[in-house]
Amino acid sequence: VLMLIKEPKDDRRAAKQRRFFKNLGCEIMDVRRSDTGTVARKILKALKQGKFIIGTSDRLREAPIIESGYNKYQDNVRVEVYGHLVGIVGWPARFADKFKVPLIPVVPQYQETNIQLHLGESIEAKGDLVSDTQAWISGLLTLLKSYPQDWMFAYDKYWAAVFKGKPL
């Protein structure tokens, strides 16, 4: 298993996070402190070796306004989440299609003594980056309805405003 994480910028907080992830027993790669080429090569190598890739998708962006729904230079795909158009990374769907591996939505449930992963239904990438990414995100949203207390965006400023009904 290769887990892609984005460590905090603060070195002290990053060190604490590293200790936490070390206990999970999988290979960890910090995408914040690695250039995109290195990250891509590491993912491709892991896929060729038959490893599972766990990628945290914790960064929402403004939705691409270009007609295709995908901004190649920012790797940003337009998807709908709870009635709002947002941008999310495209590499999971792109790599899933290229290597013919499924996209699997996952929600971690934090318990007192461990972390349990809940898996959604696997999604077969069909080569359309926008619809494949939307299918993956829709699968994730289905899981989040079952485990809302473990939603990773719970403290995100954007979604906090949406859920409180405040104008954006």
C-alpha atoms as a PDB file:
ATOM      1  CA  VAL A   1       0.000   0.000   0.000  1.00  0.00           C
ATOM      2  CA  LEU A   2       1.245   3.465  -0.909  1.00  0.00           C
ATOM      3  CA  MET A   3      -0.483   6.308   0.919  1.00  0.00           C
ATOM      4  CA  LEU A   4      -0.157   9.814  -0.442  1.00  0.00           C
ATOM      5  CA  ILE A   5      -0.427  12.480   2.224  1.00  0.00           C
ATOM      6  CA  LYS A   6      -0.021  16.229   2.375  1.00  0.00           C
ATOM      7  CA  GLU A   7       1.908  17.143   5.485  1.00  0.00           C
ATOM      8  CA  PRO A   8       1.255  20.462   7.201  1.00  0.00           C
ATOM      9  CA  LYS A   9       3.662  23.283   6.381  1.00  0.00           C
ATOM     10  CA  ASP A  10       4.554  23.607  10.066  1.00  0.00           C
ATOM     11  CA  ASP A  11       7.467  21.191  10.702  1.00  0.00           C
ATOM     12  CA  ARG A  12       6.322  20.430  14.256  1.00  0.00           C
ATOM     13  CA  ARG A  13       2.817  19.459  13.148  1.00  0.00           C
ATOM     14  CA  ALA A  14       4.254  17.524  10.190  1.00  0.00           C
ATOM     15  CA  ALA A  15       6.446  15.468  12.539  1.00  0.00           C
ATOM     16  CA  LYS A  16       3.404  14.558  14.660  1.00  0.00           C
ATOM     17  CA  GLN A  17       1.473  13.549  11.569  1.00  0.00           C
ATOM     18  CA  ARG A  18       4.406  11.425  10.358  1.00  0.00           C
ATOM     19  CA  ARG A  19       4.408   9.488  13.656  1.00  0.00           C
ATOM     20  CA  PHE A  20       0.677   8.872  13.264  1.00  0.00           C
ATOM     21  CA  PHE A  21       0.946   7.602   9.680  1.00  0.00           C
ATOM     22  CA  LYS A  22       3.971   5.458  10.552  1.00  0.00           C
ATOM     23  CA  ASN A  23       1.638   3.323  12.699  1.00  0.00           C
ATOM     24  CA  LEU A  24      -0.542   2.454   9.705  1.00  0.00           C
ATOM     25  CA  GLY A  25       2.082   0.080   8.324  1.00  0.00           C
ATOM     26  CA  CYS A  26       2.168   1.310   4.752  1.00  0.00           C
ATOM     27  CA  GLU A  27       4.563   3.266   2.597  1.00  0.00           C
ATOM     28  CA  ILE A  28       3.963   7.008   2.940  1.00  0.00           C
ATOM     29  CA  MET A  29       4.769   9.769   0.463  1.00  0.00           C
ATOM     30  CA  ASP A  30       4.337  13.444   1.266  1.00  0.00           C
ATOM     31  CA  VAL A  31       3.097  15.157  -1.869  1.00  0.00           C
ATOM     32  CA  ARG A  32       3.666  18.646  -0.441  1.00  0.00           C
ATOM     33  CA  ARG A  33       7.415  18.138  -0.118  1.00  0.00           C
ATOM     34  CA  SER A  34       7.820  16.229  -3.428  1.00  0.00           C
ATOM     35  CA  ASP A  35       7.657  17.586  -6.958  1.00  0.00           C
ATOM     36  CA  THR A  36       4.795  16.404  -9.155  1.00  0.00           C
ATOM     37  CA  GLY A  37       7.060  14.359 -11.449  1.00  0.00           C
ATOM     38  CA  THR A  38       8.439  12.361  -8.516  1.00  0.00           C
ATOM     39  CA  VAL A  39       4.920  11.779  -7.187  1.00  0.00           C
ATOM     40  CA  ALA A  40       3.688  10.580 -10.587  1.00  0.00           C
ATOM     41  CA  ARG A  41       6.651   8.210 -11.044  1.00  0.00           C
ATOM     42  CA  LYS A  42       6.137   6.782  -7.529  1.00  0.00           C
ATOM     43  CA  ILE A  43       2.423   6.190  -8.200  1.00  0.00           C
ATOM     44  CA  LEU A  44       3.104   4.557 -11.582  1.00  0.00           C
ATOM     45  CA  LYS A  45       5.783   2.310 -10.076  1.00  0.00           C
ATOM     46  CA  ALA A  46       3.452   1.276  -7.245  1.00  0.00           C
ATOM     47  CA  LEU A  47       0.631   0.490  -9.694  1.00  0.00           C
ATOM     48  CA  LYS A  48       2.975  -1.621 -11.833  1.00  0.00           C
ATOM     49  CA  GLN A  49       3.921  -3.534  -8.657  1.00  0.00           C
ATOM     50  CA  GLY A  50       0.236  -4.209  -7.941  1.00  0.00           C
ATOM     51  CA  LYS A  51       0.087  -1.969  -4.873  1.00  0.00           C
ATOM     52  CA  PHE A  52      -3.003  -0.176  -3.629  1.00  0.00           C
ATOM     53  CA  ILE A  53      -2.747   3.597  -3.751  1.00  0.00           C
ATOM     54  CA  ILE A  54      -4.535   5.599  -1.077  1.00  0.00           C
ATOM     55  CA  GLY A  55      -4.796   9.231  -2.041  1.00  0.00           C
ATOM     56  CA  THR A  56      -6.299  11.788   0.258  1.00  0.00           C
ATOM     57  CA  SER A  57      -8.473  14.228  -1.647  1.00  0.00           C
ATOM     58  CA  ASP A  58      -8.709  16.931   0.921  1.00  0.00           C
ATOM     59  CA  ARG A  59      -8.237  19.957  -1.238  1.00  0.00           C
ATOM     60  CA  LEU A  60     -11.158  21.556  -2.990  1.00  0.00           C
ATOM     61  CA  ARG A  61     -10.586  24.294  -5.511  1.00  0.00           C
ATOM     62  CA  GLU A  62     -12.711  26.605  -7.535  1.00  0.00           C
ATOM     63  CA  ALA A  63     -14.399  24.623 -10.321  1.00  0.00           C
ATOM     64  CA  PRO A  64     -12.799  24.991 -13.762  1.00  0.00           C
ATOM     65  CA  ILE A  65     -14.892  27.252 -15.948  1.00  0.00           C
ATOM     66  CA  ILE A  66     -13.560  25.971 -19.257  1.00  0.00           C
ATOM     67  CA  GLU A  67     -16.078  24.065 -21.355  1.00  0.00           C
ATOM     68  CA  SER A  68     -14.369  20.685 -20.973  1.00  0.00           C
ATOM     69  CA  GLY A  69     -14.695  20.802 -17.171  1.00  0.00           C
ATOM     70  CA  TYR A  70     -10.993  20.016 -16.788  1.00  0.00           C
ATOM     71  CA  ASN A  71      -8.026  22.305 -16.336  1.00  0.00           C
ATOM     72  CA  LYS A  72      -5.046  20.187 -17.399  1.00  0.00           C
ATOM     73  CA  TYR A  73      -2.404  22.585 -16.066  1.00  0.00           C
ATOM     74  CA  GLN A  74      -3.876  22.579 -12.549  1.00  0.00           C
ATOM     75  CA  ASP A  75      -5.136  18.965 -12.758  1.00  0.00           C
ATOM     76  CA  ASN A  76      -8.510  20.315 -11.658  1.00  0.00           C
ATOM     77  CA  VAL A  77     -11.796  18.598 -12.573  1.00  0.00           C
ATOM     78  CA  ARG A  78     -15.252  20.164 -12.172  1.00  0.00           C
ATOM     79  CA  VAL A  79     -17.629  17.977 -10.125  1.00  0.00           C
ATOM     80  CA  GLU A  80     -20.867  18.542  -8.256  1.00  0.00           C
ATOM     81  CA  VAL A  81     -20.886  18.055  -4.488  1.00  0.00           C
ATOM     82  CA  TYR A  82     -24.147  18.629  -2.597  1.00  0.00           C
ATOM     83  CA  GLY A  83     -25.411  20.886  -5.376  1.00  0.00           C
ATOM     84  CA  HIS A  84     -22.237  22.966  -5.590  1.00  0.00           C
ATOM     85  CA  LEU A  85     -19.696  22.918  -8.411  1.00  0.00           C
ATOM     86  CA  VAL A  86     -16.167  22.479  -7.074  1.00  0.00           C
ATOM     87  CA  GLY A  87     -12.801  21.476  -8.474  1.00  0.00           C
ATOM     88  CA  ILE A  88     -10.963  18.352  -7.373  1.00  0.00           C
ATOM     89  CA  VAL A  89      -7.777  16.604  -8.510  1.00  0.00           C
ATOM     90  CA  GLY A  90      -7.957  14.509 -11.656  1.00  0.00           C
ATOM     91  CA  TRP A  91      -5.016  12.139 -11.199  1.00  0.00           C
ATOM     92  CA  PRO A  92      -6.988   9.324  -9.502  1.00  0.00           C
ATOM     93  CA  ALA A  93      -9.381   8.914 -12.434  1.00  0.00           C
ATOM     94  CA  ARG A  94      -6.627   9.467 -15.009  1.00  0.00           C
ATOM     95  CA  PHE A  95      -4.352   6.808 -13.482  1.00  0.00           C
ATOM     96  CA  ALA A  96      -7.270   4.401 -12.920  1.00  0.00           C
ATOM     97  CA  ASP A  97      -8.112   4.570 -16.615  1.00  0.00           C
ATOM     98  CA  LYS A  98      -4.499   4.270 -17.745  1.00  0.00           C
ATOM     99  CA  PHE A  99      -3.786   1.187 -15.602  1.00  0.00           C
ATOM    100  CA  LYS A 100      -7.287  -0.321 -15.752  1.00  0.00           C
ATOM    101  CA  VAL A 101      -7.647  -0.370 -11.969  1.00  0.00           C
ATOM    102  CA  PRO A 102     -10.819   0.606 -10.093  1.00  0.00           C
ATOM    103  CA  LEU A 103     -11.418   3.793  -8.183  1.00  0.00           C
ATOM    104  CA  ILE A 104     -12.632   2.904  -4.702  1.00  0.00           C
ATOM    105  CA  PRO A 105     -14.193   5.558  -2.477  1.00  0.00           C
ATOM    106  CA  VAL A 106     -12.981   5.217   1.117  1.00  0.00           C
ATOM    107  CA  VAL A 107     -14.043   6.874   4.356  1.00  0.00           C
ATOM    108  CA  PRO A 108     -11.923   6.407   7.487  1.00  0.00           C
ATOM    109  CA  GLN A 109     -13.862   5.922  10.702  1.00  0.00           C
ATOM    110  CA  TYR A 110     -11.859   6.958  13.726  1.00  0.00           C
ATOM    111  CA  GLN A 111     -12.449   4.745  16.754  1.00  0.00           C
ATOM    112  CA  GLU A 112     -10.921   4.874  20.200  1.00  0.00           C
ATOM    113  CA  THR A 113      -8.215   2.289  19.530  1.00  0.00           C
ATOM    114  CA  ASN A 114      -8.006   2.090  15.750  1.00  0.00           C
ATOM    115  CA  ILE A 115      -9.041   3.437  12.375  1.00  0.00           C
ATOM    116  CA  GLN A 116     -11.465   1.426  10.292  1.00  0.00           C
ATOM    117  CA  LEU A 117     -11.748   2.005   6.555  1.00  0.00           C
ATOM    118  CA  HIS A 118     -15.152   1.760   4.899  1.00  0.00           C
ATOM    119  CA  LEU A 119     -14.989   0.997   1.185  1.00  0.00           C
ATOM    120  CA  GLY A 120     -17.578   2.046  -1.359  1.00  0.00           C
ATOM    121  CA  GLU A 121     -18.426   0.250  -4.552  1.00  0.00           C
ATOM    122  CA  SER A 122     -15.560   0.157  -7.027  1.00  0.00           C
ATOM    123  CA  ILE A 123     -15.830   2.407 -10.041  1.00  0.00           C
ATOM    124  CA  GLU A 124     -14.450   1.400 -13.402  1.00  0.00           C
ATOM    125  CA  ALA A 125     -12.850   4.345 -15.167  1.00  0.00           C
ATOM    126  CA  LYS A 126     -14.164   4.643 -18.705  1.00  0.00           C
ATOM    127  CA  GLY A 127     -11.731   7.270 -19.985  1.00  0.00           C
ATOM    128  CA  ASP A 128     -13.905  10.374 -19.522  1.00  0.00           C
ATOM    129  CA  LEU A 129     -12.046  12.285 -16.816  1.00  0.00           C
ATOM    130  CA  VAL A 130     -14.987  14.449 -15.734  1.00  0.00           C
ATOM    131  CA  SER A 131     -17.579  11.660 -15.536  1.00  0.00           C
ATOM    132  CA  ASP A 132     -15.107   9.206 -13.950  1.00  0.00           C
ATOM    133  CA  THR A 133     -14.169  11.762 -11.289  1.00  0.00           C
ATOM    134  CA  GLN A 134     -17.843  12.577 -10.675  1.00  0.00           C
ATOM    135  CA  ALA A 135     -18.651   8.856 -10.271  1.00  0.00           C
ATOM    136  CA  TRP A 136     -15.836   8.518  -7.732  1.00  0.00           C
ATOM    137  CA  ILE A 137     -16.950  11.600  -5.784  1.00  0.00           C
ATOM    138  CA  SER A 138     -20.593  10.454  -5.902  1.00  0.00           C
ATOM    139  CA  GLY A 139     -19.489   7.109  -4.437  1.00  0.00           C
ATOM    140  CA  LEU A 140     -17.657   8.972  -1.708  1.00  0.00           C
ATOM    141  CA  LEU A 141     -20.759  11.065  -0.946  1.00  0.00           C
ATOM    142  CA  THR A 142     -22.821   7.878  -0.603  1.00  0.00           C
ATOM    143  CA  LEU A 143     -20.355   6.652   2.030  1.00  0.00           C
ATOM    144  CA  LEU A 144     -20.371   9.981   3.810  1.00  0.00           C
ATOM    145  CA  LYS A 145     -24.133   9.713   4.329  1.00  0.00           C
ATOM    146  CA  SER A 146     -23.459   6.535   6.355  1.00  0.00           C
ATOM    147  CA  TYR A 147     -20.515   8.015   8.291  1.00  0.00           C
ATOM    148  CA  PRO A 148     -21.144  11.777   8.483  1.00  0.00           C
ATOM    149  CA  GLN A 149     -19.225  12.159  11.742  1.00  0.00           C
ATOM    150  CA  ASP A 150     -16.047  11.100   9.949  1.00  0.00           C
ATOM    151  CA  TRP A 151     -16.313  13.504   7.046  1.00  0.00           C
ATOM    152  CA  MET A 152     -12.839  14.792   6.356  1.00  0.00           C
ATOM    153  CA  PHE A 153     -14.052  18.246   5.291  1.00  0.00           C
ATOM    154  CA  ALA A 154     -15.949  18.831   8.540  1.00  0.00           C
ATOM    155  CA  TYR A 155     -13.801  21.824   9.469  1.00  0.00           C
ATOM    156  CA  ASP A 156     -13.265  23.212   5.988  1.00  0.00           C
ATOM    157  CA  LYS A 157     -14.235  26.912   5.836  1.00  0.00           C
ATOM    158  CA  TYR A 158     -16.033  26.526   2.506  1.00  0.00           C
ATOM    159  CA  TRP A 159     -18.262  23.654   3.606  1.00  0.00           C
ATOM    160  CA  ALA A 160     -18.822  25.089   7.086  1.00  0.00           C
ATOM    161  CA  ALA A 161     -20.364  28.141   5.390  1.00  0.00           C
ATOM    162  CA  VAL A 162     -22.442  25.968   3.016  1.00  0.00           C
ATOM    163  CA  PHE A 163     -23.851  23.852   5.833  1.00  0.00           C
ATOM    164  CA  LYS A 164     -24.631  26.902   7.968  1.00  0.00           C
ATOM    165  CA  GLY A 165     -26.515  28.414   5.029  1.00  0.00           C
ATOM    166  CA  LYS A 166     -24.225  31.444   4.799  1.00  0.00           C
ATOM    167  CA  PRO A 167     -23.634  33.119   1.433  1.00  0.00           C
ATOM    168  CA  LEU A 168     -20.327  32.210  -0.178  1.00  0.00           C
END
